[in-house]
Amino acid sequence: MAGVAGVALLAGLPAGAEAQTAPSANEDTTIIVTAQKREQKLQDVPIAVTTLSAKLLQDAGVHDIKDMQILTPGLTVTSTQNETLTTARIRGVGTVGDNPGLESSVGVVIDGVYRPRNGVGFEDLGEMERIEVLKGPQGTLFGKNTSAGVINIITKKPQFTFGADG
């Protein structure tokens, strides 16, 4: 009986913390973004940026921009009838309405090229390297129609070797 009481007494004591291994110096956890039109570390960029890597997009099952709102706080993407009438809002700011003549307040940039209409670029994302969602006005670097923010899509660079991903 004393053995059972001793085990019960030991079970009530707090367990010691397990040793955790710190990331080695060889592991590079630096996130590089092009939010300011040049490659920089994410920590050095003075803009609110959400960066989604290709692996994160694949693991989360993101296939188009409407799925990105699951991973990006403050991003809302809606479409009423079809893909060409898709609108994006960042932090609640964006163009309201399905008028194709209105240009969005959220700029969509694919590989450095601005897409002027709401539905352009909202369909299948294809082979992505990463997506950067820049929150707040970005007119200084990205030009007109970026008063709410920018969705900056960087596609995967071509490889000149024979092979396949998957």
N, C-alpha and C. Protein backbone atom coordinates (compact mmCIF):
# COMPACT_ATOMS: atom_id res chain seq x y z
N MET A 1 0.81 -1.19 0.00
CA MET A 1 0.00 0.00 0.00
C MET A 1 0.87 1.26 0.00
N ALA A 2 2.01 1.17 0.67
CA ALA A 2 2.91 2.32 0.73
C ALA A 2 3.48 2.64 -0.65
N GLY A 3 3.68 1.59 -1.50
CA GLY A 3 4.19 1.80 -2.86
C GLY A 3 3.20 2.57 -3.71
N VAL A 4 1.90 2.25 -3.56
CA VAL A 4 0.86 2.95 -4.33
C VAL A 4 0.76 4.39 -3.87
N ALA A 5 0.87 4.62 -2.58
CA ALA A 5 0.81 5.99 -2.05
C ALA A 5 2.01 6.80 -2.52
N GLY A 6 3.17 6.16 -2.60
CA GLY A 6 4.37 6.85 -3.08
C GLY A 6 4.26 7.24 -4.54
N VAL A 7 3.69 6.34 -5.36
CA VAL A 7 3.50 6.65 -6.79
C VAL A 7 2.49 7.77 -6.94
N ALA A 8 1.42 7.75 -6.16
CA ALA A 8 0.41 8.80 -6.23
C ALA A 8 1.00 10.14 -5.81
N LEU A 9 1.88 10.12 -4.82
CA LEU A 9 2.53 11.34 -4.37
C LEU A 9 3.45 11.91 -5.45
N LEU A 10 4.20 11.03 -6.11
CA LEU A 10 5.09 11.48 -7.18
C LEU A 10 4.33 11.99 -8.39
N ALA A 11 3.15 11.42 -8.66
CA ALA A 11 2.35 11.86 -9.80
C ALA A 11 1.87 13.29 -9.63
N GLY A 12 1.73 13.74 -8.39
CA GLY A 12 1.26 15.09 -8.15
C GLY A 12 2.34 16.15 -8.25
N LEU A 13 3.60 15.75 -8.32
CA LEU A 13 4.70 16.71 -8.42
C LEU A 13 4.82 17.26 -9.84
N PRO A 14 5.21 18.50 -9.98
CA PRO A 14 5.38 19.04 -11.34
C PRO A 14 6.54 18.37 -12.07
N ALA A 15 6.34 18.15 -13.34
CA ALA A 15 7.38 17.52 -14.16
C ALA A 15 8.40 18.57 -14.57
N GLY A 16 9.63 18.14 -14.71
CA GLY A 16 10.69 19.05 -15.16
C GLY A 16 10.52 19.38 -16.64
N ALA A 17 10.94 20.55 -17.02
CA ALA A 17 10.84 20.95 -18.43
C ALA A 17 11.80 20.13 -19.27
N GLU A 18 11.33 19.73 -20.44
CA GLU A 18 12.18 18.97 -21.35
C GLU A 18 13.09 19.93 -22.11
N ALA A 19 14.27 19.49 -22.34
CA ALA A 19 15.22 20.31 -23.09
C ALA A 19 14.78 20.40 -24.54
N GLN A 20 14.77 21.60 -25.08
CA GLN A 20 14.42 21.80 -26.47
C GLN A 20 15.67 22.24 -27.21
N THR A 21 15.77 21.75 -28.43
CA THR A 21 16.94 22.13 -29.21
C THR A 21 16.66 23.46 -29.90
N ALA A 22 17.60 24.35 -29.81
CA ALA A 22 17.49 25.63 -30.48
C ALA A 22 17.81 25.43 -31.95
N PRO A 23 17.22 26.25 -32.83
CA PRO A 23 17.55 26.12 -34.24
C PRO A 23 19.05 26.34 -34.46
N SER A 24 19.63 25.51 -35.27
CA SER A 24 21.06 25.65 -35.52
C SER A 24 21.32 26.87 -36.40
N ALA A 25 22.56 27.28 -36.41
CA ALA A 25 22.94 28.45 -37.21
C ALA A 25 22.77 28.18 -38.70
N ASN A 26 22.77 26.89 -39.08
CA ASN A 26 22.63 26.54 -40.49
C ASN A 26 21.20 26.69 -40.99
N GLU A 27 20.22 26.63 -40.07
CA GLU A 27 18.83 26.76 -40.47
C GLU A 27 18.54 28.23 -40.74
N ASP A 28 18.12 28.54 -41.96
CA ASP A 28 17.83 29.92 -42.33
C ASP A 28 16.33 30.13 -42.24
N THR A 29 15.88 30.85 -41.22
CA THR A 29 14.46 31.12 -41.05
C THR A 29 14.10 32.52 -41.50
N THR A 30 14.96 33.15 -42.26
CA THR A 30 14.73 34.50 -42.75
C THR A 30 13.71 34.47 -43.87
N ILE A 31 12.72 35.36 -43.78
CA ILE A 31 11.71 35.49 -44.83
C ILE A 31 12.07 36.72 -45.66
N ILE A 32 12.25 36.52 -46.95
CA ILE A 32 12.59 37.60 -47.87
C ILE A 32 11.33 38.04 -48.60
N VAL A 33 11.07 39.35 -48.63
CA VAL A 33 9.91 39.90 -49.33
C VAL A 33 10.37 40.99 -50.29
N THR A 34 9.51 41.30 -51.24
CA THR A 34 9.79 42.37 -52.20
C THR A 34 8.73 43.46 -52.07
N ALA A 35 8.26 43.70 -50.85
CA ALA A 35 7.19 44.66 -50.61
C ALA A 35 7.57 46.07 -51.02
N GLN A 36 8.85 46.40 -50.99
CA GLN A 36 9.30 47.74 -51.36
C GLN A 36 10.08 47.72 -52.67
N LYS A 37 9.70 46.81 -53.55
CA LYS A 37 10.28 46.69 -54.90
C LYS A 37 11.74 46.26 -54.89
N ARG A 38 12.23 45.77 -53.77
CA ARG A 38 13.57 45.19 -53.69
C ARG A 38 13.52 44.11 -52.61
N GLU A 39 14.41 43.14 -52.71
CA GLU A 39 14.42 42.06 -51.74
C GLU A 39 14.93 42.55 -50.39
N GLN A 40 14.15 42.29 -49.35
CA GLN A 40 14.50 42.68 -47.99
C GLN A 40 14.03 41.60 -47.03
N LYS A 41 14.62 41.58 -45.83
CA LYS A 41 14.11 40.71 -44.78
C LYS A 41 12.76 41.26 -44.32
N LEU A 42 11.84 40.37 -44.01
CA LEU A 42 10.51 40.79 -43.58
C LEU A 42 10.58 41.70 -42.35
N GLN A 43 11.51 41.43 -41.44
CA GLN A 43 11.64 42.24 -40.23
C GLN A 43 12.13 43.65 -40.51
N ASP A 44 12.77 43.87 -41.64
CA ASP A 44 13.30 45.19 -41.97
C ASP A 44 12.31 46.06 -42.74
N VAL A 45 11.16 45.51 -43.12
CA VAL A 45 10.18 46.24 -43.92
C VAL A 45 9.21 46.98 -42.99
N PRO A 46 9.06 48.31 -43.14
CA PRO A 46 8.19 49.07 -42.25
C PRO A 46 6.73 49.09 -42.70
N ILE A 47 6.27 48.00 -43.26
CA ILE A 47 4.90 47.89 -43.78
C ILE A 47 4.28 46.66 -43.15
N ALA A 48 2.96 46.70 -42.92
CA ALA A 48 2.26 45.51 -42.44
C ALA A 48 2.11 44.54 -43.61
N VAL A 49 2.84 43.43 -43.56
CA VAL A 49 2.88 42.46 -44.66
C VAL A 49 2.56 41.07 -44.13
N THR A 50 1.69 40.37 -44.85
CA THR A 50 1.48 38.94 -44.60
C THR A 50 2.08 38.21 -45.79
N THR A 51 3.03 37.33 -45.53
CA THR A 51 3.70 36.58 -46.59
C THR A 51 3.27 35.13 -46.52
N LEU A 52 2.83 34.61 -47.66
CA LEU A 52 2.38 33.22 -47.76
C LEU A 52 3.29 32.49 -48.73
N SER A 53 4.03 31.52 -48.24
CA SER A 53 4.95 30.76 -49.10
C SER A 53 4.18 29.72 -49.90
N ALA A 54 4.84 29.19 -50.92
CA ALA A 54 4.22 28.15 -51.76
C ALA A 54 3.86 26.93 -50.93
N LYS A 55 4.72 26.56 -50.00
CA LYS A 55 4.45 25.39 -49.16
C LYS A 55 3.23 25.63 -48.27
N LEU A 56 3.13 26.82 -47.68
CA LEU A 56 1.98 27.14 -46.84
C LEU A 56 0.69 27.12 -47.66
N LEU A 57 0.74 27.70 -48.86
CA LEU A 57 -0.44 27.71 -49.72
C LEU A 57 -0.87 26.29 -50.09
N GLN A 58 0.10 25.45 -50.40
CA GLN A 58 -0.20 24.07 -50.76
C GLN A 58 -0.74 23.29 -49.56
N ASP A 59 -0.11 23.44 -48.40
CA ASP A 59 -0.55 22.73 -47.20
C ASP A 59 -1.96 23.14 -46.78
N ALA A 60 -2.32 24.40 -46.99
CA ALA A 60 -3.64 24.90 -46.61
C ALA A 60 -4.69 24.64 -47.68
N GLY A 61 -4.28 24.15 -48.84
CA GLY A 61 -5.23 23.87 -49.92
C GLY A 61 -5.74 25.12 -50.62
N VAL A 62 -4.92 26.16 -50.67
CA VAL A 62 -5.31 27.41 -51.33
C VAL A 62 -5.09 27.27 -52.83
N HIS A 63 -6.17 27.47 -53.60
CA HIS A 63 -6.08 27.35 -55.06
C HIS A 63 -6.38 28.66 -55.77
N ASP A 64 -7.11 29.56 -55.12
CA ASP A 64 -7.35 30.87 -55.71
C ASP A 64 -7.34 31.92 -54.60
N ILE A 65 -7.45 33.16 -54.98
CA ILE A 65 -7.30 34.24 -54.01
C ILE A 65 -8.43 34.23 -52.98
N LYS A 66 -9.59 33.73 -53.34
CA LYS A 66 -10.69 33.66 -52.37
C LYS A 66 -10.34 32.77 -51.19
N ASP A 67 -9.51 31.75 -51.42
CA ASP A 67 -9.10 30.86 -50.33
C ASP A 67 -8.07 31.52 -49.41
N MET A 68 -7.40 32.55 -49.87
CA MET A 68 -6.35 33.20 -49.09
C MET A 68 -6.87 33.90 -47.84
N GLN A 69 -8.14 34.26 -47.82
CA GLN A 69 -8.66 34.99 -46.67
C GLN A 69 -8.65 34.14 -45.40
N ILE A 70 -8.50 32.83 -45.55
CA ILE A 70 -8.37 31.95 -44.39
C ILE A 70 -7.03 32.20 -43.69
N LEU A 71 -5.99 32.48 -44.46
CA LEU A 71 -4.64 32.63 -43.93
C LEU A 71 -4.21 34.07 -43.68
N THR A 72 -4.98 35.03 -44.19
CA THR A 72 -4.57 36.43 -44.13
C THR A 72 -5.55 37.26 -43.31
N PRO A 73 -5.17 37.67 -42.12
CA PRO A 73 -6.05 38.52 -41.32
C PRO A 73 -6.32 39.84 -42.03
N GLY A 74 -7.57 40.27 -42.02
CA GLY A 74 -7.93 41.55 -42.62
C GLY A 74 -8.23 41.50 -44.10
N LEU A 75 -8.07 40.35 -44.75
CA LEU A 75 -8.36 40.23 -46.19
C LEU A 75 -9.72 39.58 -46.37
N THR A 76 -10.58 40.22 -47.17
CA THR A 76 -11.88 39.67 -47.52
C THR A 76 -12.00 39.68 -49.03
N VAL A 77 -12.30 38.53 -49.61
CA VAL A 77 -12.47 38.42 -51.06
C VAL A 77 -13.85 37.84 -51.32
N THR A 78 -14.65 38.56 -52.11
CA THR A 78 -16.01 38.10 -52.40
C THR A 78 -16.26 38.15 -53.90
N SER A 79 -17.15 37.29 -54.34
CA SER A 79 -17.63 37.35 -55.73
C SER A 79 -19.10 36.99 -55.71
N THR A 80 -19.88 37.71 -56.50
CA THR A 80 -21.32 37.49 -56.48
C THR A 80 -21.78 36.55 -57.58
N GLN A 81 -21.30 36.74 -58.80
CA GLN A 81 -21.81 35.93 -59.90
C GLN A 81 -20.73 35.08 -60.55
N ASN A 82 -19.60 35.67 -60.88
CA ASN A 82 -18.52 34.91 -61.50
C ASN A 82 -17.18 35.53 -61.13
N GLU A 83 -16.10 34.91 -61.60
CA GLU A 83 -14.75 35.35 -61.23
C GLU A 83 -14.44 36.78 -61.67
N THR A 84 -15.04 37.24 -62.75
CA THR A 84 -14.73 38.59 -63.21
C THR A 84 -15.33 39.66 -62.31
N LEU A 85 -16.26 39.29 -61.44
CA LEU A 85 -16.87 40.24 -60.52
C LEU A 85 -16.36 40.06 -59.10
N THR A 86 -15.15 39.56 -58.95
CA THR A 86 -14.55 39.35 -57.64
C THR A 86 -13.96 40.66 -57.13
N THR A 87 -14.20 40.95 -55.86
CA THR A 87 -13.63 42.15 -55.25
C THR A 87 -12.87 41.77 -53.99
N ALA A 88 -11.82 42.51 -53.71
CA ALA A 88 -11.02 42.27 -52.51
C ALA A 88 -11.09 43.51 -51.63
N ARG A 89 -11.07 43.27 -50.33
CA ARG A 89 -11.02 44.34 -49.35
C ARG A 89 -9.92 44.01 -48.34
N ILE A 90 -9.17 45.01 -47.96
CA ILE A 90 -8.14 44.84 -46.93
C ILE A 90 -8.50 45.77 -45.79
N ARG A 91 -8.61 45.19 -44.59
CA ARG A 91 -9.01 45.93 -43.39
C ARG A 91 -10.36 46.61 -43.59
N GLY A 92 -11.23 45.99 -44.37
CA GLY A 92 -12.57 46.52 -44.60
C GLY A 92 -12.66 47.60 -45.66
N VAL A 93 -11.54 47.98 -46.25
CA VAL A 93 -11.53 49.03 -47.26
C VAL A 93 -11.37 48.40 -48.63
N GLY A 94 -12.23 48.79 -49.54
CA GLY A 94 -12.16 48.28 -50.90
C GLY A 94 -13.32 48.82 -51.71
N THR A 95 -13.31 48.55 -52.98
CA THR A 95 -14.37 49.01 -53.86
C THR A 95 -15.60 48.16 -53.65
N VAL A 96 -16.74 48.82 -53.48
CA VAL A 96 -18.00 48.12 -53.28
C VAL A 96 -18.76 48.13 -54.60
N GLY A 97 -19.40 47.03 -54.89
CA GLY A 97 -20.22 46.96 -56.09
C GLY A 97 -19.61 46.08 -57.15
N ASP A 98 -20.45 45.64 -58.04
CA ASP A 98 -20.04 44.73 -59.10
C ASP A 98 -19.92 45.43 -60.44
N ASN A 99 -19.76 46.74 -60.43
CA ASN A 99 -19.63 47.48 -61.66
C ASN A 99 -18.25 47.22 -62.25
N PRO A 100 -18.18 46.59 -63.43
CA PRO A 100 -16.87 46.31 -64.02
C PRO A 100 -16.10 47.57 -64.41
N GLY A 101 -16.76 48.72 -64.41
CA GLY A 101 -16.09 49.97 -64.73
C GLY A 101 -15.31 50.55 -63.57
N LEU A 102 -15.58 50.06 -62.36
CA LEU A 102 -14.87 50.55 -61.19
C LEU A 102 -13.55 49.83 -61.03
N GLU A 103 -12.52 50.57 -60.73
CA GLU A 103 -11.24 49.93 -60.44
C GLU A 103 -11.13 49.76 -58.94
N SER A 104 -10.52 48.68 -58.54
CA SER A 104 -10.46 48.31 -57.13
C SER A 104 -9.54 49.21 -56.33
N SER A 105 -9.81 49.29 -55.03
CA SER A 105 -8.92 50.00 -54.11
C SER A 105 -7.79 49.11 -53.64
N VAL A 106 -7.91 47.81 -53.93
CA VAL A 106 -6.87 46.84 -53.60
C VAL A 106 -6.17 46.48 -54.91
N GLY A 107 -4.92 46.84 -55.03
CA GLY A 107 -4.17 46.55 -56.25
C GLY A 107 -3.71 45.10 -56.28
N VAL A 108 -3.80 44.49 -57.46
CA VAL A 108 -3.27 43.14 -57.66
C VAL A 108 -2.08 43.27 -58.60
N VAL A 109 -0.92 42.81 -58.13
CA VAL A 109 0.31 42.88 -58.91
C VAL A 109 0.83 41.47 -59.07
N ILE A 110 1.02 41.04 -60.32
CA ILE A 110 1.55 39.71 -60.60
C ILE A 110 2.90 39.88 -61.28
N ASP A 111 3.95 39.43 -60.61
CA ASP A 111 5.33 39.55 -61.10
C ASP A 111 5.67 40.98 -61.50
N GLY A 112 5.24 41.93 -60.69
CA GLY A 112 5.58 43.33 -60.93
C GLY A 112 4.68 44.04 -61.91
N VAL A 113 3.67 43.37 -62.45
CA VAL A 113 2.77 43.98 -63.42
C VAL A 113 1.41 44.20 -62.76
N TYR A 114 0.95 45.45 -62.72
CA TYR A 114 -0.33 45.81 -62.12
C TYR A 114 -1.48 45.28 -62.97
N ARG A 115 -2.48 44.70 -62.34
CA ARG A 115 -3.69 44.23 -63.03
C ARG A 115 -4.81 45.21 -62.72
N PRO A 116 -5.34 45.92 -63.74
CA PRO A 116 -6.24 47.03 -63.48
C PRO A 116 -7.68 46.68 -63.12
N ARG A 117 -8.12 45.49 -63.32
CA ARG A 117 -9.53 45.17 -63.06
C ARG A 117 -9.67 44.19 -61.91
N ASN A 118 -10.83 44.22 -61.28
CA ASN A 118 -11.08 43.40 -60.09
C ASN A 118 -10.84 41.93 -60.31
N GLY A 119 -11.40 41.35 -61.36
CA GLY A 119 -11.36 39.91 -61.54
C GLY A 119 -10.07 39.37 -62.12
N VAL A 120 -9.21 40.23 -62.62
CA VAL A 120 -7.98 39.76 -63.24
C VAL A 120 -7.02 39.26 -62.17
N GLY A 121 -6.60 38.03 -62.29
CA GLY A 121 -5.65 37.46 -61.35
C GLY A 121 -6.28 36.76 -60.17
N PHE A 122 -7.62 36.73 -60.08
CA PHE A 122 -8.28 36.10 -58.94
C PHE A 122 -8.58 34.63 -59.16
N GLU A 123 -8.33 34.13 -60.33
CA GLU A 123 -8.65 32.73 -60.60
C GLU A 123 -7.53 31.83 -60.13
N ASP A 124 -7.33 30.70 -60.78
CA ASP A 124 -6.35 29.70 -60.38
C ASP A 124 -4.97 30.33 -60.23
N LEU A 125 -4.35 30.11 -59.09
CA LEU A 125 -3.06 30.74 -58.82
C LEU A 125 -1.89 30.09 -59.55
N GLY A 126 -2.01 28.83 -59.89
CA GLY A 126 -0.92 28.17 -60.61
C GLY A 126 0.30 27.98 -59.74
N GLU A 127 1.48 28.08 -60.34
CA GLU A 127 2.74 27.82 -59.64
C GLU A 127 3.24 29.10 -58.98
N MET A 128 3.10 29.18 -57.68
CA MET A 128 3.47 30.36 -56.91
C MET A 128 4.77 30.14 -56.16
N GLU A 129 5.56 31.19 -56.08
CA GLU A 129 6.71 31.19 -55.17
C GLU A 129 6.25 31.70 -53.81
N ARG A 130 5.51 32.82 -53.83
CA ARG A 130 4.92 33.36 -52.61
C ARG A 130 3.90 34.44 -52.98
N ILE A 131 3.09 34.79 -52.01
CA ILE A 131 2.14 35.88 -52.15
C ILE A 131 2.33 36.80 -50.95
N GLU A 132 2.40 38.09 -51.23
CA GLU A 132 2.55 39.08 -50.17
C GLU A 132 1.30 39.96 -50.17
N VAL A 133 0.68 40.10 -49.01
CA VAL A 133 -0.47 40.99 -48.86
C VAL A 133 0.01 42.18 -48.05
N LEU A 134 0.07 43.35 -48.70
CA LEU A 134 0.54 44.58 -48.08
C LEU A 134 -0.67 45.38 -47.66
N LYS A 135 -0.77 45.70 -46.38
CA LYS A 135 -1.94 46.38 -45.85
C LYS A 135 -1.68 47.86 -45.72
N GLY A 136 -2.69 48.66 -46.06
CA GLY A 136 -2.56 50.10 -45.98
C GLY A 136 -2.20 50.69 -47.33
N PRO A 137 -2.22 52.02 -47.45
CA PRO A 137 -1.96 52.68 -48.73
C PRO A 137 -0.56 52.36 -49.26
N GLN A 138 -0.49 52.00 -50.54
CA GLN A 138 0.78 51.63 -51.17
C GLN A 138 1.03 52.42 -52.45
N GLY A 139 0.37 53.57 -52.60
CA GLY A 139 0.46 54.34 -53.83
C GLY A 139 1.85 54.83 -54.17
N THR A 140 2.69 55.06 -53.18
CA THR A 140 4.05 55.55 -53.44
C THR A 140 4.85 54.56 -54.26
N LEU A 141 4.73 53.28 -53.95
CA LEU A 141 5.52 52.27 -54.66
C LEU A 141 4.76 51.57 -55.78
N PHE A 142 3.44 51.42 -55.63
CA PHE A 142 2.69 50.62 -56.59
C PHE A 142 1.74 51.44 -57.45
N GLY A 143 1.65 52.74 -57.24
CA GLY A 143 0.85 53.58 -58.12
C GLY A 143 -0.61 53.65 -57.74
N LYS A 144 -1.44 53.98 -58.73
CA LYS A 144 -2.86 54.24 -58.47
C LYS A 144 -3.59 52.97 -58.03
N ASN A 145 -4.75 53.21 -57.44
CA ASN A 145 -5.68 52.16 -57.03
C ASN A 145 -5.09 51.19 -56.03
N THR A 146 -4.29 51.69 -55.12
CA THR A 146 -3.74 50.84 -54.06
C THR A 146 -3.94 51.49 -52.69
N SER A 147 -5.04 52.24 -52.54
CA SER A 147 -5.28 52.95 -51.29
C SER A 147 -5.60 52.02 -50.13
N ALA A 148 -6.13 50.83 -50.40
CA ALA A 148 -6.42 49.87 -49.33
C ALA A 148 -5.26 48.91 -49.11
N GLY A 149 -4.49 48.66 -50.15
CA GLY A 149 -3.36 47.73 -50.04
C GLY A 149 -3.07 47.06 -51.37
N VAL A 150 -2.19 46.08 -51.33
CA VAL A 150 -1.75 45.38 -52.55
C VAL A 150 -1.67 43.89 -52.27
N ILE A 151 -2.11 43.11 -53.24
CA ILE A 151 -1.86 41.67 -53.24
C ILE A 151 -0.77 41.45 -54.28
N ASN A 152 0.43 41.17 -53.80
CA ASN A 152 1.61 41.03 -54.66
C ASN A 152 1.89 39.55 -54.86
N ILE A 153 1.69 39.06 -56.08
CA ILE A 153 1.85 37.64 -56.39
C ILE A 153 3.17 37.45 -57.13
N ILE A 154 4.01 36.57 -56.61
CA ILE A 154 5.29 36.26 -57.24
C ILE A 154 5.22 34.81 -57.69
N THR A 155 5.28 34.60 -59.00
CA THR A 155 5.18 33.24 -59.53
C THR A 155 6.54 32.56 -59.49
N LYS A 156 6.51 31.25 -59.60
CA LYS A 156 7.74 30.47 -59.56
C LYS A 156 8.56 30.74 -60.82
N LYS A 157 9.84 30.92 -60.65
CA LYS A 157 10.75 31.17 -61.78
C LYS A 157 10.92 29.90 -62.59
N PRO A 158 11.10 30.02 -63.90
CA PRO A 158 11.28 28.82 -64.72
C PRO A 158 12.60 28.13 -64.42
N GLN A 159 12.56 26.82 -64.55
CA GLN A 159 13.78 26.02 -64.39
C GLN A 159 14.13 25.45 -65.75
N PHE A 160 15.39 25.44 -66.06
CA PHE A 160 15.82 25.00 -67.38
C PHE A 160 16.39 23.60 -67.34
N THR A 161 15.90 22.80 -66.40
CA THR A 161 16.26 21.40 -66.34
C THR A 161 15.00 20.57 -66.50
N PHE A 162 15.15 19.38 -67.06
CA PHE A 162 14.01 18.51 -67.27
C PHE A 162 13.56 17.93 -65.94
N GLY A 163 12.28 18.02 -65.64
CA GLY A 163 11.78 17.47 -64.38
C GLY A 163 10.35 17.89 -64.14
N ALA A 164 9.83 17.45 -63.01
CA ALA A 164 8.46 17.78 -62.63
C ALA A 164 8.38 17.94 -61.13
N ASP A 165 7.46 18.77 -60.69
CA ASP A 165 7.20 18.93 -59.26
C ASP A 165 6.08 17.98 -58.88
N GLY A 166 6.11 17.53 -57.65
CA GLY A 166 4.98 16.72 -57.22
C GLY A 166 5.33 15.60 -56.41
